[in-house]
Amino acid sequence: MIFVNLVGVAIIFLIVWWFWIYKPEDVSVEDNSLLITVASGTYTPSRIKIEKHKAVSLTFLRKDPSPCAETLLIPDLNINETLVLNKSVTIELPGLAEGTYAFHCQMKMYKGELNVS
């Protein structure tokens, strides 16, 4: 009985860590462009560091056939793009003010953020 309770607590801890504590590393944009892969329910990389007031190109390559992966939204920048399966879609971003800009699918199951500093 104690073993079952310990396993239950461990599973709860892993769920809390995965959904609320874990944060992937920031990846910096080099040469003003970056490829972001949409696969297995995630954007890779999902946390992107951009220099403020510097224009960049973000290229999204959708490999995930899920309908949720089809739409990319960046609400703070009024961007709504359709990602075609196995084709690259490039989004040109102007120089942005300092801040954090979330991007996600229409159901917010796929999530990422642009950290501008």
PDB file of N, CA and C in Angstrom:
ATOM      1  N   MET A   1       0.825  -1.194   0.000  1.00  0.00           N
ATOM      2  CA  MET A   1       0.000   0.000   0.000  1.00  0.00           C
ATOM      3  C   MET A   1       0.872   1.262   0.000  1.00  0.00           C
ATOM      4  N   ILE A   2       1.941   1.255   0.787  1.00  0.00           N
ATOM      5  CA  ILE A   2       2.842   2.414   0.836  1.00  0.00           C
ATOM      6  C   ILE A   2       3.512   2.612  -0.520  1.00  0.00           C
ATOM      7  N   PHE A   3       3.896   1.514  -1.172  1.00  0.00           N
ATOM      8  CA  PHE A   3       4.532   1.599  -2.484  1.00  0.00           C
ATOM      9  C   PHE A   3       3.608   2.269  -3.497  1.00  0.00           C
ATOM     10  N   VAL A   4       2.340   1.893  -3.490  1.00  0.00           N
ATOM     11  CA  VAL A   4       1.363   2.479  -4.417  1.00  0.00           C
ATOM     12  C   VAL A   4       1.233   3.974  -4.164  1.00  0.00           C
ATOM     13  N   ASN A   5       1.197   4.380  -2.907  1.00  0.00           N
ATOM     14  CA  ASN A   5       1.108   5.806  -2.575  1.00  0.00           C
ATOM     15  C   ASN A   5       2.343   6.562  -3.024  1.00  0.00           C
ATOM     16  N   LEU A   6       3.525   5.982  -2.849  1.00  0.00           N
ATOM     17  CA  LEU A   6       4.763   6.633  -3.284  1.00  0.00           C
ATOM     18  C   LEU A   6       4.798   6.794  -4.799  1.00  0.00           C
ATOM     19  N   VAL A   7       4.358   5.776  -5.511  1.00  0.00           N
ATOM     20  CA  VAL A   7       4.307   5.861  -6.972  1.00  0.00           C
ATOM     21  C   VAL A   7       3.321   6.954  -7.387  1.00  0.00           C
ATOM     22  N   GLY A   8       2.177   7.036  -6.711  1.00  0.00           N
ATOM     23  CA  GLY A   8       1.198   8.081  -7.015  1.00  0.00           C
ATOM     24  C   GLY A   8       1.749   9.473  -6.792  1.00  0.00           C
ATOM     25  N   VAL A   9       2.466   9.673  -5.686  1.00  0.00           N
ATOM     26  CA  VAL A   9       3.080  10.975  -5.394  1.00  0.00           C
ATOM     27  C   VAL A   9       4.139  11.303  -6.441  1.00  0.00           C
ATOM     28  N   ALA A  10       4.925  10.316  -6.850  1.00  0.00           N
ATOM     29  CA  ALA A  10       5.959  10.533  -7.872  1.00  0.00           C
ATOM     30  C   ALA A  10       5.331  10.945  -9.198  1.00  0.00           C
ATOM     31  N   ILE A  11       4.238  10.304  -9.574  1.00  0.00           N
ATOM     32  CA  ILE A  11       3.562  10.655 -10.826  1.00  0.00           C
ATOM     33  C   ILE A  11       2.997  12.069 -10.748  1.00  0.00           C
ATOM     34  N   ILE A  12       2.417  12.425  -9.635  1.00  0.00           N
ATOM     35  CA  ILE A  12       1.896  13.788  -9.453  1.00  0.00           C
ATOM     36  C   ILE A  12       3.028  14.804  -9.571  1.00  0.00           C
ATOM     37  N   PHE A  13       4.163  14.521  -8.935  1.00  0.00           N
ATOM     38  CA  PHE A  13       5.315  15.423  -9.017  1.00  0.00           C
ATOM     39  C   PHE A  13       5.769  15.590 -10.462  1.00  0.00           C
ATOM     40  N   LEU A  14       5.862  14.492 -11.222  1.00  0.00           N
ATOM     41  CA  LEU A  14       6.292  14.571 -12.624  1.00  0.00           C
ATOM     42  C   LEU A  14       5.319  15.399 -13.461  1.00  0.00           C
ATOM     43  N   ILE A  15       4.034  15.249 -13.199  1.00  0.00           N
ATOM     44  CA  ILE A  15       3.041  16.037 -13.942  1.00  0.00           C
ATOM     45  C   ILE A  15       3.190  17.522 -13.631  1.00  0.00           C
ATOM     46  N   VAL A  16       3.335  17.857 -12.358  1.00  0.00           N
ATOM     47  CA  VAL A  16       3.513  19.259 -11.959  1.00  0.00           C
ATOM     48  C   VAL A  16       4.786  19.815 -12.576  1.00  0.00           C
ATOM     49  N   TRP A  17       5.869  19.047 -12.529  1.00  0.00           N
ATOM     50  CA  TRP A  17       7.148  19.508 -13.099  1.00  0.00           C
ATOM     51  C   TRP A  17       6.999  19.739 -14.602  1.00  0.00           C
ATOM     52  N   TRP A  18       6.422  18.826 -15.327  1.00  0.00           N
ATOM     53  CA  TRP A  18       6.321  18.926 -16.784  1.00  0.00           C
ATOM     54  C   TRP A  18       5.460  20.107 -17.225  1.00  0.00           C
ATOM     55  N   PHE A  19       4.314  20.304 -16.563  1.00  0.00           N
ATOM     56  CA  PHE A  19       3.383  21.327 -17.034  1.00  0.00           C
ATOM     57  C   PHE A  19       3.600  22.708 -16.428  1.00  0.00           C
ATOM     58  N   TRP A  20       4.182  22.822 -15.243  1.00  0.00           N
ATOM     59  CA  TRP A  20       4.277  24.128 -14.590  1.00  0.00           C
ATOM     60  C   TRP A  20       5.677  24.554 -14.199  1.00  0.00           C
ATOM     61  N   ILE A  21       6.605  23.650 -14.028  1.00  0.00           N
ATOM     62  CA  ILE A  21       7.934  24.024 -13.553  1.00  0.00           C
ATOM     63  C   ILE A  21       8.968  24.031 -14.678  1.00  0.00           C
ATOM     64  N   TYR A  22       8.958  23.020 -15.527  1.00  0.00           N
ATOM     65  CA  TYR A  22       9.968  22.861 -16.578  1.00  0.00           C
ATOM     66  C   TYR A  22       9.891  23.989 -17.604  1.00  0.00           C
ATOM     67  N   LYS A  23      11.032  24.604 -17.888  1.00  0.00           N
ATOM     68  CA  LYS A  23      11.133  25.616 -18.938  1.00  0.00           C
ATOM     69  C   LYS A  23      12.315  25.251 -19.829  1.00  0.00           C
ATOM     70  N   PRO A  24      12.093  25.045 -21.126  1.00  0.00           N
ATOM     71  CA  PRO A  24      13.218  24.736 -22.014  1.00  0.00           C
ATOM     72  C   PRO A  24      14.148  25.936 -22.129  1.00  0.00           C
ATOM     73  N   GLU A  25      15.369  25.681 -22.570  1.00  0.00           N
ATOM     74  CA  GLU A  25      16.366  26.747 -22.723  1.00  0.00           C
ATOM     75  C   GLU A  25      15.948  27.744 -23.799  1.00  0.00           C
ATOM     76  N   ASP A  26      16.384  28.985 -23.616  1.00  0.00           N
ATOM     77  CA  ASP A  26      16.205  29.996 -24.653  1.00  0.00           C
ATOM     78  C   ASP A  26      17.209  29.732 -25.768  1.00  0.00           C
ATOM     79  N   VAL A  27      16.768  29.895 -27.009  1.00  0.00           N
ATOM     80  CA  VAL A  27      17.642  29.776 -28.167  1.00  0.00           C
ATOM     81  C   VAL A  27      17.690  31.140 -28.825  1.00  0.00           C
ATOM     82  N   SER A  28      18.894  31.653 -29.034  1.00  0.00           N
ATOM     83  CA  SER A  28      19.061  32.973 -29.643  1.00  0.00           C
ATOM     84  C   SER A  28      18.980  32.881 -31.163  1.00  0.00           C
ATOM     85  N   VAL A  29      18.416  33.914 -31.760  1.00  0.00           N
ATOM     86  CA  VAL A  29      18.354  34.010 -33.216  1.00  0.00           C
ATOM     87  C   VAL A  29      19.726  34.441 -33.711  1.00  0.00           C
ATOM     88  N   GLU A  30      20.318  33.636 -34.585  1.00  0.00           N
ATOM     89  CA  GLU A  30      21.624  33.945 -35.174  1.00  0.00           C
ATOM     90  C   GLU A  30      21.400  34.301 -36.650  1.00  0.00           C
ATOM     91  N   ASP A  31      22.156  35.220 -37.175  1.00  0.00           N
ATOM     92  CA  ASP A  31      22.060  35.620 -38.584  1.00  0.00           C
ATOM     93  C   ASP A  31      20.652  36.068 -38.977  1.00  0.00           C
ATOM     94  N   ASN A  32      19.911  36.614 -38.047  1.00  0.00           N
ATOM     95  CA  ASN A  32      18.576  37.174 -38.283  1.00  0.00           C
ATOM     96  C   ASN A  32      17.538  36.155 -38.744  1.00  0.00           C
ATOM     97  N   SER A  33      17.808  34.843 -38.583  1.00  0.00           N
ATOM     98  CA  SER A  33      16.797  33.853 -38.959  1.00  0.00           C
ATOM     99  C   SER A  33      16.906  32.618 -38.072  1.00  0.00           C
ATOM    100  N   LEU A  34      15.798  31.888 -37.986  1.00  0.00           N
ATOM    101  CA  LEU A  34      15.752  30.691 -37.152  1.00  0.00           C
ATOM    102  C   LEU A  34      14.702  29.750 -37.702  1.00  0.00           C
ATOM    103  N   LEU A  35      15.016  28.443 -37.708  1.00  0.00           N
ATOM    104  CA  LEU A  35      14.062  27.420 -38.117  1.00  0.00           C
ATOM    105  C   LEU A  35      13.410  26.842 -36.874  1.00  0.00           C
ATOM    106  N   ILE A  36      12.077  26.810 -36.874  1.00  0.00           N
ATOM    107  CA  ILE A  36      11.299  26.253 -35.772  1.00  0.00           C
ATOM    108  C   ILE A  36      10.512  25.078 -36.328  1.00  0.00           C
ATOM    109  N   THR A  37      10.730  23.907 -35.750  1.00  0.00           N
ATOM    110  CA  THR A  37      10.037  22.701 -36.196  1.00  0.00           C
ATOM    111  C   THR A  37       8.796  22.477 -35.344  1.00  0.00           C
ATOM    112  N   VAL A  38       7.694  22.150 -36.004  1.00  0.00           N
ATOM    113  CA  VAL A  38       6.446  21.853 -35.316  1.00  0.00           C
ATOM    114  C   VAL A  38       6.234  20.344 -35.438  1.00  0.00           C
ATOM    115  N   ALA A  39       6.488  19.621 -34.340  1.00  0.00           N
ATOM    116  CA  ALA A  39       6.385  18.161 -34.368  1.00  0.00           C
ATOM    117  C   ALA A  39       6.128  17.625 -32.965  1.00  0.00           C
ATOM    118  N   SER A  40       5.436  16.518 -32.891  1.00  0.00           N
ATOM    119  CA  SER A  40       5.178  15.809 -31.627  1.00  0.00           C
ATOM    120  C   SER A  40       4.563  16.706 -30.552  1.00  0.00           C
ATOM    121  N   GLY A  41       3.708  17.610 -30.964  1.00  0.00           N
ATOM    122  CA  GLY A  41       2.998  18.450 -30.004  1.00  0.00           C
ATOM    123  C   GLY A  41       3.786  19.619 -29.456  1.00  0.00           C
ATOM    124  N   THR A  42       4.926  19.958 -30.079  1.00  0.00           N
ATOM    125  CA  THR A  42       5.734  21.074 -29.578  1.00  0.00           C
ATOM    126  C   THR A  42       6.326  21.897 -30.724  1.00  0.00           C
ATOM    127  N   TYR A  43       6.720  23.109 -30.369  1.00  0.00           N
ATOM    128  CA  TYR A  43       7.562  23.932 -31.231  1.00  0.00           C
ATOM    129  C   TYR A  43       8.989  23.712 -30.743  1.00  0.00           C
ATOM    130  N   THR A  44       9.926  23.464 -31.655  1.00  0.00           N
ATOM    131  CA  THR A  44      11.315  23.274 -31.264  1.00  0.00           C
ATOM    132  C   THR A  44      12.193  24.194 -32.099  1.00  0.00           C
ATOM    133  N   PRO A  45      12.827  25.174 -31.505  1.00  0.00           N
ATOM    134  CA  PRO A  45      12.787  25.568 -30.101  1.00  0.00           C
ATOM    135  C   PRO A  45      11.494  26.317 -29.790  1.00  0.00           C
ATOM    136  N   SER A  46      11.154  26.343 -28.515  1.00  0.00           N
ATOM    137  CA  SER A  46       9.900  27.005 -28.122  1.00  0.00           C
ATOM    138  C   SER A  46      10.132  28.318 -27.380  1.00  0.00           C
ATOM    139  N   ARG A  47      11.349  28.535 -26.895  1.00  0.00           N
ATOM    140  CA  ARG A  47      11.675  29.807 -26.228  1.00  0.00           C
ATOM    141  C   ARG A  47      12.801  30.448 -27.036  1.00  0.00           C
ATOM    142  N   ILE A  48      12.476  31.568 -27.673  1.00  0.00           N
ATOM    143  CA  ILE A  48      13.386  32.199 -28.622  1.00  0.00           C
ATOM    144  C   ILE A  48      13.777  33.584 -28.125  1.00  0.00           C
ATOM    145  N   LYS A  49      15.075  33.812 -28.074  1.00  0.00           N
ATOM    146  CA  LYS A  49      15.602  35.093 -27.613  1.00  0.00           C
ATOM    147  C   LYS A  49      15.962  35.947 -28.831  1.00  0.00           C
ATOM    148  N   ILE A  50      15.429  37.176 -28.856  1.00  0.00           N
ATOM    149  CA  ILE A  50      15.636  38.098 -29.976  1.00  0.00           C
ATOM    150  C   ILE A  50      16.129  39.425 -29.427  1.00  0.00           C
ATOM    151  N   GLU A  51      17.071  40.049 -30.147  1.00  0.00           N
ATOM    152  CA  GLU A  51      17.524  41.387 -29.754  1.00  0.00           C
ATOM    153  C   GLU A  51      16.410  42.387 -30.054  1.00  0.00           C
ATOM    154  N   LYS A  52      16.217  43.342 -29.125  1.00  0.00           N
ATOM    155  CA  LYS A  52      15.167  44.340 -29.349  1.00  0.00           C
ATOM    156  C   LYS A  52      15.522  45.216 -30.541  1.00  0.00           C
ATOM    157  N   HIS A  53      14.504  45.648 -31.240  1.00  0.00           N
ATOM    158  CA  HIS A  53      14.595  46.539 -32.406  1.00  0.00           C
ATOM    159  C   HIS A  53      15.401  45.929 -33.550  1.00  0.00           C
ATOM    160  N   LYS A  54      15.480  44.603 -33.620  1.00  0.00           N
ATOM    161  CA  LYS A  54      16.207  43.933 -34.700  1.00  0.00           C
ATOM    162  C   LYS A  54      15.227  43.052 -35.469  1.00  0.00           C
ATOM    163  N   ALA A  55      15.095  43.287 -36.775  1.00  0.00           N
ATOM    164  CA  ALA A  55      14.184  42.494 -37.603  1.00  0.00           C
ATOM    165  C   ALA A  55      14.733  41.076 -37.749  1.00  0.00           C
ATOM    166  N   VAL A  56      13.838  40.091 -37.675  1.00  0.00           N
ATOM    167  CA  VAL A  56      14.236  38.682 -37.803  1.00  0.00           C
ATOM    168  C   VAL A  56      13.230  37.929 -38.664  1.00  0.00           C
ATOM    169  N   SER A  57      13.678  36.793 -39.197  1.00  0.00           N
ATOM    170  CA  SER A  57      12.823  35.880 -39.956  1.00  0.00           C
ATOM    171  C   SER A  57      12.708  34.578 -39.177  1.00  0.00           C
ATOM    172  N   LEU A  58      11.481  34.162 -38.913  1.00  0.00           N
ATOM    173  CA  LEU A  58      11.241  32.878 -38.265  1.00  0.00           C
ATOM    174  C   LEU A  58      10.590  31.959 -39.287  1.00  0.00           C
ATOM    175  N   THR A  59      11.217  30.808 -39.529  1.00  0.00           N
ATOM    176  CA  THR A  59      10.695  29.841 -40.474  1.00  0.00           C
ATOM    177  C   THR A  59      10.128  28.664 -39.700  1.00  0.00           C
ATOM    178  N   PHE A  60       8.872  28.372 -39.926  1.00  0.00           N
ATOM    179  CA  PHE A  60       8.193  27.268 -39.261  1.00  0.00           C
ATOM    180  C   PHE A  60       8.053  26.114 -40.247  1.00  0.00           C
ATOM    181  N   LEU A  61       8.483  24.928 -39.836  1.00  0.00           N
ATOM    182  CA  LEU A  61       8.348  23.715 -40.640  1.00  0.00           C
ATOM    183  C   LEU A  61       7.442  22.760 -39.881  1.00  0.00           C
ATOM    184  N   ARG A  62       6.244  22.557 -40.401  1.00  0.00           N
ATOM    185  CA  ARG A  62       5.256  21.695 -39.732  1.00  0.00           C
ATOM    186  C   ARG A  62       5.428  20.253 -40.203  1.00  0.00           C
ATOM    187  N   LYS A  63       5.778  19.376 -39.252  1.00  0.00           N
ATOM    188  CA  LYS A  63       5.891  17.946 -39.527  1.00  0.00           C
ATOM    189  C   LYS A  63       4.787  17.151 -38.842  1.00  0.00           C
ATOM    190  N   ASP A  64       4.003  17.817 -38.027  1.00  0.00           N
ATOM    191  CA  ASP A  64       2.941  17.185 -37.246  1.00  0.00           C
ATOM    192  C   ASP A  64       1.617  17.275 -38.012  1.00  0.00           C
ATOM    193  N   PRO A  65       0.980  16.127 -38.338  1.00  0.00           N
ATOM    194  CA  PRO A  65      -0.268  16.171 -39.103  1.00  0.00           C
ATOM    195  C   PRO A  65      -1.497  16.587 -38.290  1.00  0.00           C
ATOM    196  N   SER A  66      -1.327  16.792 -37.004  1.00  0.00           N
ATOM    197  CA  SER A  66      -2.456  17.174 -36.153  1.00  0.00           C
ATOM    198  C   SER A  66      -3.083  18.478 -36.662  1.00  0.00           C
ATOM    199  N   PRO A  67      -4.416  18.548 -36.707  1.00  0.00           N
ATOM    200  CA  PRO A  67      -5.072  19.779 -37.148  1.00  0.00           C
ATOM    201  C   PRO A  67      -4.716  20.989 -36.284  1.00  0.00           C
ATOM    202  N   CYS A  68      -4.410  20.748 -35.024  1.00  0.00           N
ATOM    203  CA  CYS A  68      -4.066  21.855 -34.128  1.00  0.00           C
ATOM    204  C   CYS A  68      -2.763  22.529 -34.554  1.00  0.00           C
ATOM    205  N   ALA A  69      -1.866  21.769 -35.159  1.00  0.00           N
ATOM    206  CA  ALA A  69      -0.567  22.322 -35.570  1.00  0.00           C
ATOM    207  C   ALA A  69      -0.671  23.190 -36.819  1.00  0.00           C
ATOM    208  N   GLU A  70      -1.838  23.215 -37.427  1.00  0.00           N
ATOM    209  CA  GLU A  70      -2.013  23.919 -38.693  1.00  0.00           C
ATOM    210  C   GLU A  70      -1.999  25.440 -38.566  1.00  0.00           C
ATOM    211  N   THR A  71      -2.406  25.957 -37.427  1.00  0.00           N
ATOM    212  CA  THR A  71      -2.517  27.408 -37.264  1.00  0.00           C
ATOM    213  C   THR A  71      -1.485  27.919 -36.272  1.00  0.00           C
ATOM    214  N   LEU A  72      -0.817  28.991 -36.645  1.00  0.00           N
ATOM    215  CA  LEU A  72       0.137  29.674 -35.770  1.00  0.00           C
ATOM    216  C   LEU A  72      -0.426  31.050 -35.454  1.00  0.00           C
ATOM    217  N   LEU A  73      -0.504  31.362 -34.184  1.00  0.00           N
ATOM    218  CA  LEU A  73      -0.980  32.672 -33.748  1.00  0.00           C
ATOM    219  C   LEU A  73       0.081  33.358 -32.907  1.00  0.00           C
ATOM    220  N   ILE A  74       0.311  34.639 -33.190  1.00  0.00           N
ATOM    221  CA  ILE A  74       1.107  35.508 -32.322  1.00  0.00           C
ATOM    222  C   ILE A  74       0.200  36.702 -32.044  1.00  0.00           C
ATOM    223  N   PRO A  75      -0.651  36.572 -31.022  1.00  0.00           N
ATOM    224  CA  PRO A  75      -1.711  37.572 -30.802  1.00  0.00           C
ATOM    225  C   PRO A  75      -1.216  39.005 -30.629  1.00  0.00           C
ATOM    226  N   ASP A  76      -0.124  39.202 -29.891  1.00  0.00           N
ATOM    227  CA  ASP A  76       0.366  40.564 -29.642  1.00  0.00           C
ATOM    228  C   ASP A  76       0.853  41.256 -30.912  1.00  0.00           C
ATOM    229  N   LEU A  77       1.149  40.473 -31.955  1.00  0.00           N
ATOM    230  CA  LEU A  77       1.630  41.040 -33.213  1.00  0.00           C
ATOM    231  C   LEU A  77       0.592  40.909 -34.329  1.00  0.00           C
ATOM    232  N   ASN A  78      -0.623  40.470 -33.978  1.00  0.00           N
ATOM    233  CA  ASN A  78      -1.707  40.271 -34.937  1.00  0.00           C
ATOM    234  C   ASN A  78      -1.301  39.353 -36.091  1.00  0.00           C
ATOM    235  N   ILE A  79      -0.601  38.266 -35.774  1.00  0.00           N
ATOM    236  CA  ILE A  79      -0.159  37.308 -36.787  1.00  0.00           C
ATOM    237  C   ILE A  79      -1.009  36.052 -36.660  1.00  0.00           C
ATOM    238  N   ASN A  80      -1.544  35.622 -37.797  1.00  0.00           N
ATOM    239  CA  ASN A  80      -2.346  34.404 -37.890  1.00  0.00           C
ATOM    240  C   ASN A  80      -1.930  33.734 -39.194  1.00  0.00           C
ATOM    241  N   GLU A  81      -1.139  32.667 -39.105  1.00  0.00           N
ATOM    242  CA  GLU A  81      -0.612  31.997 -40.288  1.00  0.00           C
ATOM    243  C   GLU A  81      -1.064  30.545 -40.331  1.00  0.00           C
ATOM    244  N   THR A  82      -1.288  30.042 -41.524  1.00  0.00           N
ATOM    245  CA  THR A  82      -1.568  28.631 -41.724  1.00  0.00           C
ATOM    246  C   THR A  82      -0.265  27.935 -42.069  1.00  0.00           C
ATOM    247  N   LEU A  83       0.043  26.885 -41.314  1.00  0.00           N
ATOM    248  CA  LEU A  83       1.264  26.113 -41.552  1.00  0.00           C
ATOM    249  C   LEU A  83       0.902  24.869 -42.357  1.00  0.00           C
ATOM    250  N   VAL A  84       1.417  24.773 -43.566  1.00  0.00           N
ATOM    251  CA  VAL A  84       1.144  23.645 -44.445  1.00  0.00           C
ATOM    252  C   VAL A  84       2.062  22.490 -44.056  1.00  0.00           C
ATOM    253  N   LEU A  85       1.530  21.286 -44.044  1.00  0.00           N
ATOM    254  CA  LEU A  85       2.289  20.108 -43.656  1.00  0.00           C
ATOM    255  C   LEU A  85       3.499  19.908 -44.570  1.00  0.00           C
ATOM    256  N   ASN A  86       4.663  19.728 -43.963  1.00  0.00           N
ATOM    257  CA  ASN A  86       5.942  19.475 -44.645  1.00  0.00           C
ATOM    258  C   ASN A  86       6.394  20.593 -45.586  1.00  0.00           C
ATOM    259  N   LYS A  87       5.946  21.809 -45.332  1.00  0.00           N
ATOM    260  CA  LYS A  87       6.410  22.975 -46.103  1.00  0.00           C
ATOM    261  C   LYS A  87       6.789  24.072 -45.138  1.00  0.00           C
ATOM    262  N   SER A  88       7.811  24.821 -45.505  1.00  0.00           N
ATOM    263  CA  SER A  88       8.278  25.922 -44.661  1.00  0.00           C
ATOM    264  C   SER A  88       7.429  27.165 -44.878  1.00  0.00           C
ATOM    265  N   VAL A  89       7.136  27.842 -43.788  1.00  0.00           N
ATOM    266  CA  VAL A  89       6.427  29.123 -43.829  1.00  0.00           C
ATOM    267  C   VAL A  89       7.281  30.116 -43.057  1.00  0.00           C
ATOM    268  N   THR A  90       7.689  31.185 -43.725  1.00  0.00           N
ATOM    269  CA  THR A  90       8.560  32.180 -43.099  1.00  0.00           C
ATOM    270  C   THR A  90       7.749  33.404 -42.699  1.00  0.00           C
ATOM    271  N   ILE A  91       7.994  33.842 -41.480  1.00  0.00           N
ATOM    272  CA  ILE A  91       7.335  35.034 -40.950  1.00  0.00           C
ATOM    273  C   ILE A  91       8.416  36.074 -40.688  1.00  0.00           C
ATOM    274  N   GLU A  92       8.242  37.232 -41.287  1.00  0.00           N
ATOM    275  CA  GLU A  92       9.177  38.338 -41.103  1.00  0.00           C
ATOM    276  C   GLU A  92       8.678  39.203 -39.952  1.00  0.00           C
ATOM    277  N   LEU A  93       9.499  39.335 -38.926  1.00  0.00           N
ATOM    278  CA  LEU A  93       9.135  40.178 -37.788  1.00  0.00           C
ATOM    279  C   LEU A  93       9.944  41.464 -37.835  1.00  0.00           C
ATOM    280  N   PRO A  94       9.284  42.597 -37.654  1.00  0.00           N
ATOM    281  CA  PRO A  94      10.023  43.862 -37.594  1.00  0.00           C
ATOM    282  C   PRO A  94      10.772  43.929 -36.268  1.00  0.00           C
ATOM    283  N   GLY A  95      11.583  44.952 -36.081  1.00  0.00           N
ATOM    284  CA  GLY A  95      12.228  45.154 -34.795  1.00  0.00           C
ATOM    285  C   GLY A  95      11.161  45.318 -33.719  1.00  0.00           C
ATOM    286  N   LEU A  96      11.249  44.525 -32.678  1.00  0.00           N
ATOM    287  CA  LEU A  96      10.225  44.534 -31.631  1.00  0.00           C
ATOM    288  C   LEU A  96      10.717  45.244 -30.381  1.00  0.00           C
ATOM    289  N   ALA A  97       9.778  45.810 -29.657  1.00  0.00           N
ATOM    290  CA  ALA A  97      10.095  46.413 -28.363  1.00  0.00           C
ATOM    291  C   ALA A  97      10.367  45.301 -27.353  1.00  0.00           C
ATOM    292  N   GLU A  98      11.085  45.645 -26.301  1.00  0.00           N
ATOM    293  CA  GLU A  98      11.413  44.668 -25.265  1.00  0.00           C
ATOM    294  C   GLU A  98      10.138  44.095 -24.650  1.00  0.00           C
ATOM    295  N   GLY A  99      10.153  42.786 -24.417  1.00  0.00           N
ATOM    296  CA  GLY A  99       8.999  42.131 -23.813  1.00  0.00           C
ATOM    297  C   GLY A  99       8.937  40.667 -24.198  1.00  0.00           C
ATOM    298  N   THR A 100       7.872  40.015 -23.768  1.00  0.00           N
ATOM    299  CA  THR A 100       7.648  38.610 -24.083  1.00  0.00           C
ATOM    300  C   THR A 100       6.394  38.505 -24.941  1.00  0.00           C
ATOM    301  N   TYR A 101       6.518  37.816 -26.065  1.00  0.00           N
ATOM    302  CA  TYR A 101       5.431  37.653 -27.012  1.00  0.00           C
ATOM    303  C   TYR A 101       5.142  36.160 -27.146  1.00  0.00           C
ATOM    304  N   ALA A 102       3.950  35.742 -26.731  1.00  0.00           N
ATOM    305  CA  ALA A 102       3.577  34.336 -26.807  1.00  0.00           C
ATOM    306  C   ALA A 102       3.162  33.978 -28.231  1.00  0.00           C
ATOM    307  N   PHE A 103       3.485  32.742 -28.646  1.00  0.00           N
ATOM    308  CA  PHE A 103       2.931  32.204 -29.884  1.00  0.00           C
ATOM    309  C   PHE A 103       2.399  30.803 -29.589  1.00  0.00           C
ATOM    310  N   HIS A 104       1.352  30.421 -30.319  1.00  0.00           N
ATOM    311  CA  HIS A 104       0.694  29.150 -30.023  1.00  0.00           C
ATOM    312  C   HIS A 104      -0.247  28.769 -31.152  1.00  0.00           C
ATOM    313  N   CYS A 105      -0.791  27.547 -31.054  1.00  0.00           N
ATOM    314  CA  CYS A 105      -1.827  27.116 -31.988  1.00  0.00           C
ATOM    315  C   CYS A 105      -3.160  27.703 -31.518  1.00  0.00           C
ATOM    316  N   GLN A 106      -4.234  27.449 -32.259  1.00  0.00           N
ATOM    317  CA  GLN A 106      -5.520  28.048 -31.909  1.00  0.00           C
ATOM    318  C   GLN A 106      -6.088  27.524 -30.595  1.00  0.00           C
ATOM    319  N   MET A 107      -5.676  26.329 -30.159  1.00  0.00           N
ATOM    320  CA  MET A 107      -6.176  25.779 -28.901  1.00  0.00           C
ATOM    321  C   MET A 107      -5.177  25.926 -27.757  1.00  0.00           C
ATOM    322  N   LYS A 108      -4.042  26.556 -28.019  1.00  0.00           N
ATOM    323  CA  LYS A 108      -2.968  26.766 -27.050  1.00  0.00           C
ATOM    324  C   LYS A 108      -2.387  25.453 -26.518  1.00  0.00           C
ATOM    325  N   MET A 109      -2.422  24.425 -27.354  1.00  0.00           N
ATOM    326  CA  MET A 109      -1.799  23.156 -26.971  1.00  0.00           C
ATOM    327  C   MET A 109      -0.313  23.189 -27.327  1.00  0.00           C
ATOM    328  N   TYR A 110       0.030  23.802 -28.424  1.00  0.00           N
ATOM    329  CA  TYR A 110       1.410  24.028 -28.846  1.00  0.00           C
ATOM    330  C   TYR A 110       1.736  25.443 -28.376  1.00  0.00           C
ATOM    331  N   LYS A 111       2.805  25.615 -27.597  1.00  0.00           N
ATOM    332  CA  LYS A 111       3.103  26.935 -27.038  1.00  0.00           C
ATOM    333  C   LYS A 111       4.570  27.275 -27.210  1.00  0.00           C
ATOM    334  N   GLY A 112       4.820  28.576 -27.331  1.00  0.00           N
ATOM    335  CA  GLY A 112       6.177  29.074 -27.368  1.00  0.00           C
ATOM    336  C   GLY A 112       6.179  30.542 -27.003  1.00  0.00           C
ATOM    337  N   GLU A 113       7.366  31.100 -26.878  1.00  0.00           N
ATOM    338  CA  GLU A 113       7.437  32.539 -26.575  1.00  0.00           C
ATOM    339  C   GLU A 113       8.690  33.148 -27.182  1.00  0.00           C
ATOM    340  N   LEU A 114       8.521  34.399 -27.580  1.00  0.00           N
ATOM    341  CA  LEU A 114       9.625  35.219 -28.083  1.00  0.00           C
ATOM    342  C   LEU A 114      10.026  36.142 -26.944  1.00  0.00           C
ATOM    343  N   ASN A 115      11.261  36.041 -26.502  1.00  0.00           N
ATOM    344  CA  ASN A 115      11.774  36.897 -25.441  1.00  0.00           C
ATOM    345  C   ASN A 115      12.674  37.952 -26.064  1.00  0.00           C
ATOM    346  N   VAL A 116      12.181  39.180 -26.111  1.00  0.00           N
ATOM    347  CA  VAL A 116      12.891  40.284 -26.751  1.00  0.00           C
ATOM    348  C   VAL A 116      13.565  41.109 -25.670  1.00  0.00           C
ATOM    349  N   SER A 117      14.902  41.229 -25.778  1.00  0.00           N
ATOM    350  CA  SER A 117      15.643  42.026 -24.793  1.00  0.00           C
ATOM    351  C   SER A 117      16.860  42.666 -25.430  1.00  0.00           C
TER     352      SER A 117
END
